[in-house]
PDB file of N, CA and C in Angstrom:
ATOM      1  N   MET A   1     -11.301  13.015 -10.438  1.00  0.00           N
ATOM      2  CA  MET A   1     -10.710  12.084  -9.620  1.00  0.00           C
ATOM      3  C   MET A   1     -10.182  13.537  -8.748  1.00  0.00           C
ATOM      4  N   ASP A   2     -10.160  13.077  -7.846  1.00  0.00           N
ATOM      5  CA  ASP A   2     -10.223  14.733  -5.873  1.00  0.00           C
ATOM      6  C   ASP A   2      -8.513  13.740  -5.841  1.00  0.00           C
ATOM      7  N   PHE A   3      -7.786  14.744  -4.745  1.00  0.00           N
ATOM      8  CA  PHE A   3      -6.818  14.540  -4.432  1.00  0.00           C
ATOM      9  C   PHE A   3      -7.430  13.522  -3.207  1.00  0.00           C
ATOM     10  N   ALA A   4      -7.895  13.183  -2.483  1.00  0.00           N
ATOM     11  CA  ALA A   4      -7.821  12.074  -1.821  1.00  0.00           C
ATOM     12  C   ALA A   4      -7.961  10.675  -1.981  1.00  0.00           C
ATOM     13  N   THR A   5      -8.383  10.161  -3.480  1.00  0.00           N
ATOM     14  CA  THR A   5      -8.819   9.012  -4.393  1.00  0.00           C
ATOM     15  C   THR A   5      -7.238   8.646  -4.829  1.00  0.00           C
ATOM     16  N   LEU A   6      -6.752  10.220  -5.713  1.00  0.00           N
ATOM     17  CA  LEU A   6      -5.546   9.733  -5.667  1.00  0.00           C
ATOM     18  C   LEU A   6      -4.422   9.500  -5.075  1.00  0.00           C
ATOM     19  N   PHE A   7      -4.077   9.966  -3.351  1.00  0.00           N
ATOM     20  CA  PHE A   7      -3.709  10.005  -3.018  1.00  0.00           C
ATOM     21  C   PHE A   7      -4.192   8.598  -2.179  1.00  0.00           C
ATOM     22  N   GLY A   8      -4.881   8.209  -1.814  1.00  0.00           N
ATOM     23  CA  GLY A   8      -5.286   6.284  -1.447  1.00  0.00           C
ATOM     24  C   GLY A   8      -4.751   5.722  -2.578  1.00  0.00           C
ATOM     25  N   SER A   9      -4.540   5.605  -4.153  1.00  0.00           N
ATOM     26  CA  SER A   9      -4.177   5.016  -5.043  1.00  0.00           C
ATOM     27  C   SER A   9      -2.654   4.940  -5.125  1.00  0.00           C
ATOM     28  N   LEU A  10      -1.848   6.033  -4.413  1.00  0.00           N
ATOM     29  CA  LEU A  10      -0.988   5.673  -4.467  1.00  0.00           C
ATOM     30  C   LEU A  10      -0.050   5.441  -3.689  1.00  0.00           C
ATOM     31  N   VAL A  11      -0.682   5.662  -2.298  1.00  0.00           N
ATOM     32  CA  VAL A  11      -0.416   4.328  -0.618  1.00  0.00           C
ATOM     33  C   VAL A  11      -0.871   3.492  -1.357  1.00  0.00           C
ATOM     34  N   ASP A  12      -1.537   3.295  -1.935  1.00  0.00           N
ATOM     35  CA  ASP A  12      -1.787   0.926  -1.818  1.00  0.00           C
ATOM     36  C   ASP A  12      -0.529   0.523  -3.081  1.00  0.00           C
ATOM     37  N   VAL A  13      -0.429   1.640  -4.048  1.00  0.00           N
ATOM     38  CA  VAL A  13       0.447   0.733  -4.682  1.00  0.00           C
ATOM     39  C   VAL A  13       1.994   1.355  -4.780  1.00  0.00           C
ATOM     40  N   THR A  14       2.609   2.073  -3.639  1.00  0.00           N
ATOM     41  CA  THR A  14       3.816   2.318  -3.307  1.00  0.00           C
ATOM     42  C   THR A  14       3.670   1.199  -2.088  1.00  0.00           C
ATOM     43  N   LEU A  15       2.380   0.811  -0.960  1.00  0.00           N
ATOM     44  CA  LEU A  15       2.776  -0.490  -0.136  1.00  0.00           C
ATOM     45  C   LEU A  15       2.568  -1.907  -0.718  1.00  0.00           C
ATOM     46  N   VAL A  16       1.928  -2.184  -1.603  1.00  0.00           N
ATOM     47  CA  VAL A  16       2.458  -3.438  -2.556  1.00  0.00           C
ATOM     48  C   VAL A  16       2.999  -3.668  -2.886  1.00  0.00           C
ATOM     49  N   GLY A  17       3.573  -2.751  -4.095  1.00  0.00           N
ATOM     50  CA  GLY A  17       5.833  -2.491  -4.308  1.00  0.00           C
ATOM     51  C   GLY A  17       6.640  -2.845  -3.241  1.00  0.00           C
ATOM     52  N   ILE A  18       6.568  -2.609  -2.613  1.00  0.00           N
ATOM     53  CA  ILE A  18       7.508  -2.486  -1.207  1.00  0.00           C
ATOM     54  C   ILE A  18       6.867  -3.846  -0.853  1.00  0.00           C
ATOM     55  N   LEU A  19       5.588  -4.513  -0.103  1.00  0.00           N
ATOM     56  CA  LEU A  19       6.026  -6.176  -0.237  1.00  0.00           C
ATOM     57  C   LEU A  19       5.927  -6.803  -0.707  1.00  0.00           C
ATOM     58  N   LEU A  20       5.606  -6.566  -2.439  1.00  0.00           N
ATOM     59  CA  LEU A  20       6.384  -7.423  -2.877  1.00  0.00           C
ATOM     60  C   LEU A  20       8.306  -7.689  -3.388  1.00  0.00           C
ATOM     61  N   GLY A  21       8.465  -6.109  -4.123  1.00  0.00           N
ATOM     62  CA  GLY A  21       9.678  -6.063  -4.412  1.00  0.00           C
ATOM     63  C   GLY A  21      10.633  -5.855  -3.229  1.00  0.00           C
ATOM     64  N   ALA A  22      10.601  -5.995  -2.143  1.00  0.00           N
ATOM     65  CA  ALA A  22      11.155  -5.669  -0.825  1.00  0.00           C
ATOM     66  C   ALA A  22      11.313  -7.215   0.140  1.00  0.00           C
ATOM     67  N   GLY A  23       9.741  -7.375  -0.346  1.00  0.00           N
ATOM     68  CA  GLY A  23       9.376  -8.460   1.475  1.00  0.00           C
ATOM     69  C   GLY A  23       9.747 -10.341   0.585  1.00  0.00           C
ATOM     70  N   LEU A  24       9.096  -9.975  -0.828  1.00  0.00           N
ATOM     71  CA  LEU A  24       9.525 -11.690  -1.021  1.00  0.00           C
ATOM     72  C   LEU A  24      10.719 -11.398  -1.776  1.00  0.00           C
ATOM     73  N   PRO A  25      11.687 -10.793  -1.773  1.00  0.00           N
ATOM     74  CA  PRO A  25      13.380 -10.917  -1.748  1.00  0.00           C
ATOM     75  C   PRO A  25      14.412 -11.420  -0.004  1.00  0.00           C
ATOM     76  N   ALA A  26      12.703 -10.467   0.950  1.00  0.00           N
ATOM     77  CA  ALA A  26      13.470 -11.047   2.146  1.00  0.00           C
ATOM     78  C   ALA A  26      13.384 -12.063   2.435  1.00  0.00           C
ATOM     79  N   LEU A  27      12.041 -12.289   2.363  1.00  0.00           N
ATOM     80  CA  LEU A  27      10.941 -13.533   3.217  1.00  0.00           C
ATOM     81  C   LEU A  27      12.273 -14.625   2.434  1.00  0.00           C
ATOM     82  N   PHE A  28      12.726 -14.480   1.053  1.00  0.00           N
ATOM     83  CA  PHE A  28      13.191 -15.670   0.575  1.00  0.00           C
ATOM     84  C   PHE A  28      14.902 -15.869   1.461  1.00  0.00           C
ATOM     85  N   ALA A  29      15.138 -14.417   1.390  1.00  0.00           N
ATOM     86  CA  ALA A  29      16.893 -15.161   2.564  1.00  0.00           C
ATOM     87  C   ALA A  29      16.157 -14.929   3.176  1.00  0.00           C
ATOM     88  N   LEU A  30      15.025 -15.046   4.143  1.00  0.00           N
ATOM     89  CA  LEU A  30      14.938 -15.846   5.409  1.00  0.00           C
ATOM     90  C   LEU A  30      14.551 -16.750   5.684  1.00  0.00           C
ATOM     91  N   GLY A  31      14.564 -17.502   4.692  1.00  0.00           N
ATOM     92  CA  GLY A  31      13.798 -18.767   4.899  1.00  0.00           C
ATOM     93  C   GLY A  31      15.383 -19.751   4.160  1.00  0.00           C
ATOM     94  N   ILE A  32      16.150 -19.273   3.487  1.00  0.00           N
ATOM     95  CA  ILE A  32      17.119 -19.559   3.586  1.00  0.00           C
ATOM     96  C   ILE A  32      18.346 -19.285   4.856  1.00  0.00           C
ATOM     97  N   ARG A  33      17.954 -18.352   5.734  1.00  0.00           N
ATOM     98  CA  ARG A  33      18.641 -18.791   6.773  1.00  0.00           C
ATOM     99  C   ARG A  33      18.159 -20.154   8.109  1.00  0.00           C
ATOM    100  N   PHE A  34      16.796 -19.806   8.063  1.00  0.00           N
ATOM    101  CA  PHE A  34      16.098 -20.819   8.755  1.00  0.00           C
ATOM    102  C   PHE A  34      17.050 -22.114   7.977  1.00  0.00           C
ATOM    103  N   ALA A  35      16.512 -22.288   6.748  1.00  0.00           N
ATOM    104  CA  ALA A  35      17.195 -24.241   6.359  1.00  0.00           C
ATOM    105  C   ALA A  35      18.376 -24.790   7.062  1.00  0.00           C
ATOM    106  N   HIS A  36      19.583 -23.358   7.096  1.00  0.00           N
ATOM    107  CA  HIS A  36      21.039 -23.596   6.946  1.00  0.00           C
ATOM    108  C   HIS A  36      21.368 -23.225   8.263  1.00  0.00           C
ATOM    109  N   ALA A  37      20.390 -22.602   9.094  1.00  0.00           N
ATOM    110  CA  ALA A  37      21.102 -22.029  10.484  1.00  0.00           C
ATOM    111  C   ALA A  37      21.528 -23.629  11.397  1.00  0.00           C
ATOM    112  N   PRO A  38      22.348 -23.460  12.303  1.00  0.00           N
ATOM    113  CA  PRO A  38      23.058 -24.444  12.821  1.00  0.00           C
ATOM    114  C   PRO A  38      22.068 -24.584  14.140  1.00  0.00           C
ATOM    115  N   SER A  39      22.081 -25.457  14.660  1.00  0.00           N
ATOM    116  CA  SER A  39      21.163 -26.648  16.391  1.00  0.00           C
ATOM    117  C   SER A  39      22.472 -26.847  17.036  1.00  0.00           C
ATOM    118  N   ALA A  40      22.291 -26.647  17.931  1.00  0.00           N
ATOM    119  CA  ALA A  40      22.437 -27.034  19.534  1.00  0.00           C
ATOM    120  C   ALA A  40      22.806 -28.809  19.160  1.00  0.00           C
ATOM    121  N   GLU A  41      21.974 -29.493  18.390  1.00  0.00           N
ATOM    122  CA  GLU A  41      21.628 -30.698  18.712  1.00  0.00           C
ATOM    123  C   GLU A  41      22.017 -31.251  17.101  1.00  0.00           C
ATOM    124  N   GLY A  42      21.737 -30.646  16.369  1.00  0.00           N
ATOM    125  CA  GLY A  42      22.018 -31.174  15.075  1.00  0.00           C
ATOM    126  C   GLY A  42      21.639 -31.147  14.656  1.00  0.00           C
ATOM    127  N   SER A  43      19.769 -31.601  15.030  1.00  0.00           N
ATOM    128  CA  SER A  43      19.050 -31.361  14.017  1.00  0.00           C
ATOM    129  C   SER A  43      18.022 -30.580  14.340  1.00  0.00           C
ATOM    130  N   ASN A  44      18.215 -29.635  13.220  1.00  0.00           N
ATOM    131  CA  ASN A  44      17.558 -28.120  12.970  1.00  0.00           C
ATOM    132  C   ASN A  44      15.762 -28.545  12.173  1.00  0.00           C
ATOM    133  N   ALA A  45      15.019 -29.077  13.460  1.00  0.00           N
ATOM    134  CA  ALA A  45      13.596 -29.399  12.871  1.00  0.00           C
ATOM    135  C   ALA A  45      13.271 -28.004  12.436  1.00  0.00           C
ATOM    136  N   PHE A  46      12.885 -26.710  14.040  1.00  0.00           N
ATOM    137  CA  PHE A  46      11.973 -25.233  13.526  1.00  0.00           C
ATOM    138  C   PHE A  46      12.764 -25.261  12.806  1.00  0.00           C
ATOM    139  N   GLY A  47      13.763 -25.145  11.544  1.00  0.00           N
ATOM    140  CA  GLY A  47      14.630 -24.964  10.391  1.00  0.00           C
ATOM    141  C   GLY A  47      14.338 -25.244   9.274  1.00  0.00           C
ATOM    142  N   LYS A  48      13.914 -26.296   9.617  1.00  0.00           N
ATOM    143  CA  LYS A  48      13.442 -26.646   8.094  1.00  0.00           C
ATOM    144  C   LYS A  48      11.789 -26.779   8.036  1.00  0.00           C
ATOM    145  N   ILE A  49      10.991 -26.546   9.244  1.00  0.00           N
ATOM    146  CA  ILE A  49       9.678 -25.734   9.270  1.00  0.00           C
ATOM    147  C   ILE A  49       9.740 -24.078   7.990  1.00  0.00           C
ATOM    148  N   ALA A  50      10.252 -23.638   9.122  1.00  0.00           N
ATOM    149  CA  ALA A  50      10.462 -22.083   9.043  1.00  0.00           C
ATOM    150  C   ALA A  50      10.599 -21.958   7.578  1.00  0.00           C
ATOM    151  N   SER A  51      11.480 -22.599   6.964  1.00  0.00           N
ATOM    152  CA  SER A  51      11.788 -22.776   6.306  1.00  0.00           C
ATOM    153  C   SER A  51      11.072 -22.772   4.783  1.00  0.00           C
ATOM    154  N   THR A  52      10.169 -23.864   5.090  1.00  0.00           N
ATOM    155  CA  THR A  52       9.099 -24.541   4.090  1.00  0.00           C
ATOM    156  C   THR A  52       7.842 -23.806   3.764  1.00  0.00           C
ATOM    157  N   ILE A  53       7.544 -22.901   5.347  1.00  0.00           N
ATOM    158  CA  ILE A  53       6.244 -22.119   5.303  1.00  0.00           C
ATOM    159  C   ILE A  53       7.045 -20.856   4.888  1.00  0.00           C
ATOM    160  N   CYS A  54       8.682 -20.244   4.463  1.00  0.00           N
ATOM    161  CA  CYS A  54       8.529 -18.543   3.653  1.00  0.00           C
ATOM    162  C   CYS A  54       8.437 -19.468   2.469  1.00  0.00           C
ATOM    163  N   PHE A  55       9.029 -20.560   1.522  1.00  0.00           N
ATOM    164  CA  PHE A  55       8.885 -21.034   0.656  1.00  0.00           C
ATOM    165  C   PHE A  55       7.800 -21.109  -0.175  1.00  0.00           C
ATOM    166  N   ALA A  56       6.732 -21.699   0.532  1.00  0.00           N
ATOM    167  CA  ALA A  56       5.723 -21.797   0.533  1.00  0.00           C
ATOM    168  C   ALA A  56       4.793 -20.779   0.268  1.00  0.00           C
ATOM    169  N   ILE A  57       5.270 -19.724   1.021  1.00  0.00           N
ATOM    170  CA  ILE A  57       4.401 -17.546   0.542  1.00  0.00           C
ATOM    171  C   ILE A  57       5.463 -17.791  -0.811  1.00  0.00           C
ATOM    172  N   ILE A  58       6.193 -17.817  -0.359  1.00  0.00           N
ATOM    173  CA  ILE A  58       6.929 -17.220  -2.551  1.00  0.00           C
ATOM    174  C   ILE A  58       6.682 -18.123  -3.210  1.00  0.00           C
ATOM    175  N   VAL A  59       6.115 -19.673  -3.315  1.00  0.00           N
ATOM    176  CA  VAL A  59       5.282 -20.090  -4.587  1.00  0.00           C
ATOM    177  C   VAL A  59       4.555 -19.520  -4.431  1.00  0.00           C
ATOM    178  N   VAL A  60       3.165 -19.025  -3.683  1.00  0.00           N
ATOM    179  CA  VAL A  60       2.019 -19.324  -3.573  1.00  0.00           C
ATOM    180  C   VAL A  60       1.992 -17.646  -4.492  1.00  0.00           C
ATOM    181  N   ALA A  61       2.506 -16.896  -4.453  1.00  0.00           N
ATOM    182  CA  ALA A  61       2.980 -14.868  -4.488  1.00  0.00           C
ATOM    183  C   ALA A  61       3.068 -15.756  -6.031  1.00  0.00           C
ATOM    184  N   ILE A  62       3.731 -15.849  -6.519  1.00  0.00           N
ATOM    185  CA  ILE A  62       4.342 -16.691  -7.962  1.00  0.00           C
ATOM    186  C   ILE A  62       3.492 -16.628  -8.741  1.00  0.00           C
ATOM    187  N   ILE A  63       2.215 -18.355  -8.246  1.00  0.00           N
ATOM    188  CA  ILE A  63       1.500 -18.589  -9.091  1.00  0.00           C
ATOM    189  C   ILE A  63       0.583 -17.595  -8.716  1.00  0.00           C
ATOM    190  N   ALA A  64       0.177 -16.785  -8.171  1.00  0.00           N
ATOM    191  CA  ALA A  64      -0.355 -15.964  -7.906  1.00  0.00           C
ATOM    192  C   ALA A  64      -0.310 -14.540  -8.711  1.00  0.00           C
ATOM    193  N   GLY A  65       0.745 -14.066  -9.262  1.00  0.00           N
ATOM    194  CA  GLY A  65       0.521 -13.642 -10.270  1.00  0.00           C
ATOM    195  C   GLY A  65       1.151 -13.688 -11.386  1.00  0.00           C
ATOM    196  N   ILE A  66       1.816 -14.480 -11.883  1.00  0.00           N
ATOM    197  CA  ILE A  66       0.985 -15.503 -12.990  1.00  0.00           C
ATOM    198  C   ILE A  66      -0.186 -15.233 -13.306  1.00  0.00           C
ATOM    199  N   LEU A  67      -0.708 -16.353 -12.077  1.00  0.00           N
ATOM    200  CA  LEU A  67      -2.683 -16.596 -12.433  1.00  0.00           C
ATOM    201  C   LEU A  67      -3.122 -14.850 -13.157  1.00  0.00           C
ATOM    202  N   TRP A  68      -2.599 -13.710 -11.667  1.00  0.00           N
ATOM    203  CA  TRP A  68      -2.995 -12.322 -12.007  1.00  0.00           C
ATOM    204  C   TRP A  68      -2.867 -11.693 -13.645  1.00  0.00           C
ATOM    205  N   ILE A  69      -1.461 -11.428 -13.810  1.00  0.00           N
ATOM    206  CA  ILE A  69      -1.533 -11.565 -15.208  1.00  0.00           C
ATOM    207  C   ILE A  69      -1.581 -12.073 -17.065  1.00  0.00           C
ATOM    208  N   THR A  70      -2.376 -13.646 -16.395  1.00  0.00           N
ATOM    209  CA  THR A  70      -2.948 -14.300 -17.948  1.00  0.00           C
ATOM    210  C   THR A  70      -4.114 -14.389 -17.263  1.00  0.00           C
ATOM    211  N   LYS A  71      -4.474 -13.527 -16.150  1.00  0.00           N
ATOM    212  CA  LYS A  71      -6.662 -13.347 -16.170  1.00  0.00           C
ATOM    213  C   LYS A  71      -7.182 -13.068 -17.279  1.00  0.00           C
ATOM    214  N   SER A  72      -6.944 -12.783 -17.932  1.00  0.00           N
ATOM    215  CA  SER A  72      -7.810 -12.523 -19.300  1.00  0.00           C
ATOM    216  C   SER A  72      -7.790 -13.454 -20.303  1.00  0.00           C
ATOM    217  N   THR A  73      -6.271 -13.808 -20.586  1.00  0.00           N
ATOM    218  CA  THR A  73      -6.124 -15.227 -21.539  1.00  0.00           C
ATOM    219  C   THR A  73      -6.933 -16.365 -21.151  1.00  0.00           C
ATOM    220  N   ILE A  74      -7.349 -16.689 -19.460  1.00  0.00           N
ATOM    221  CA  ILE A  74      -7.572 -17.139 -19.166  1.00  0.00           C
ATOM    222  C   ILE A  74      -9.231 -17.575 -19.298  1.00  0.00           C
ATOM    223  N   TYR A  75      -9.457 -16.477 -19.192  1.00  0.00           N
ATOM    224  CA  TYR A  75     -10.985 -15.808 -18.954  1.00  0.00           C
ATOM    225  C   TYR A  75     -11.569 -16.231 -20.576  1.00  0.00           C
ATOM    226  N   GLN A  76     -11.090 -15.682 -21.680  1.00  0.00           N
ATOM    227  CA  GLN A  76     -11.332 -15.918 -23.046  1.00  0.00           C
ATOM    228  C   GLN A  76     -11.045 -16.994 -23.561  1.00  0.00           C
ATOM    229  N   TYR A  77     -10.271 -17.921 -23.444  1.00  0.00           N
ATOM    230  CA  TYR A  77      -9.809 -19.451 -23.525  1.00  0.00           C
ATOM    231  C   TYR A  77     -10.960 -20.214 -22.630  1.00  0.00           C
ATOM    232  N   SER A  78     -11.450 -20.239 -21.051  1.00  0.00           N
ATOM    233  CA  SER A  78     -12.113 -21.557 -20.348  1.00  0.00           C
ATOM    234  C   SER A  78     -13.181 -20.128 -20.398  1.00  0.00           C
ATOM    235  N   GLY A  79     -13.018 -18.944 -19.219  1.00  0.00           N
ATOM    236  CA  GLY A  79     -14.356 -19.333 -19.516  1.00  0.00           C
ATOM    237  C   GLY A  79     -13.932 -19.002 -18.354  1.00  0.00           C
ATOM    238  N   PHE A  80     -13.508 -19.234 -17.407  1.00  0.00           N
ATOM    239  CA  PHE A  80     -12.766 -19.211 -16.064  1.00  0.00           C
ATOM    240  C   PHE A  80     -12.709 -18.096 -15.523  1.00  0.00           C
ATOM    241  N   ASP A  81     -13.527 -17.425 -15.084  1.00  0.00           N
ATOM    242  CA  ASP A  81     -13.039 -15.897 -14.240  1.00  0.00           C
ATOM    243  C   ASP A  81     -12.728 -16.143 -12.711  1.00  0.00           C
ATOM    244  N   ILE A  82     -10.989 -16.430 -12.841  1.00  0.00           N
ATOM    245  CA  ILE A  82     -10.456 -16.553 -11.672  1.00  0.00           C
ATOM    246  C   ILE A  82     -10.619 -15.914  -9.684  1.00  0.00           C
ATOM    247  N   PHE A  83     -10.488 -14.649 -10.629  1.00  0.00           N
ATOM    248  CA  PHE A  83     -10.483 -12.877  -9.891  1.00  0.00           C
ATOM    249  C   PHE A  83     -11.956 -12.420  -9.192  1.00  0.00           C
ATOM    250  N   GLY A  84     -12.526 -12.634 -10.715  1.00  0.00           N
ATOM    251  CA  GLY A  84     -14.014 -12.381 -10.409  1.00  0.00           C
ATOM    252  C   GLY A  84     -13.901 -10.699 -11.327  1.00  0.00           C
ATOM    253  N   THR A  85     -13.326 -11.011 -12.091  1.00  0.00           N
ATOM    254  CA  THR A  85     -12.590  -9.267 -12.625  1.00  0.00           C
ATOM    255  C   THR A  85     -13.634  -9.271 -14.013  1.00  0.00           C
ATOM    256  N   GLU A  86     -13.400 -10.053 -14.404  1.00  0.00           N
ATOM    257  CA  GLU A  86     -14.049  -9.790 -15.994  1.00  0.00           C
ATOM    258  C   GLU A  86     -15.773 -10.110 -15.623  1.00  0.00           C
ATOM    259  N   GLY A  87     -15.903  -9.619 -17.082  1.00  0.00           N
ATOM    260  CA  GLY A  87     -17.559 -10.123 -17.538  1.00  0.00           C
ATOM    261  C   GLY A  87     -17.460  -8.550 -16.922  1.00  0.00           C
TER     262      GLY A  87
END
């Protein structure tokens, strides 16, 4: 393994760590902010839609993470290769 490959892998892991380690909690905070932001006319339709999108992204990321962790077990018991990494 040469230095360029090692450095590239380090950068990839660091970026994913920052995205998931700080990005998802920041997205959650943004969703809370959108959900409870006051509006001039009393109806906060944009805030509700934006917060729903934020929370949907978080739910998808959590489900993908659980599936990634359990992919070998799912493949072992069902034969279904979720991410195409088994076999």
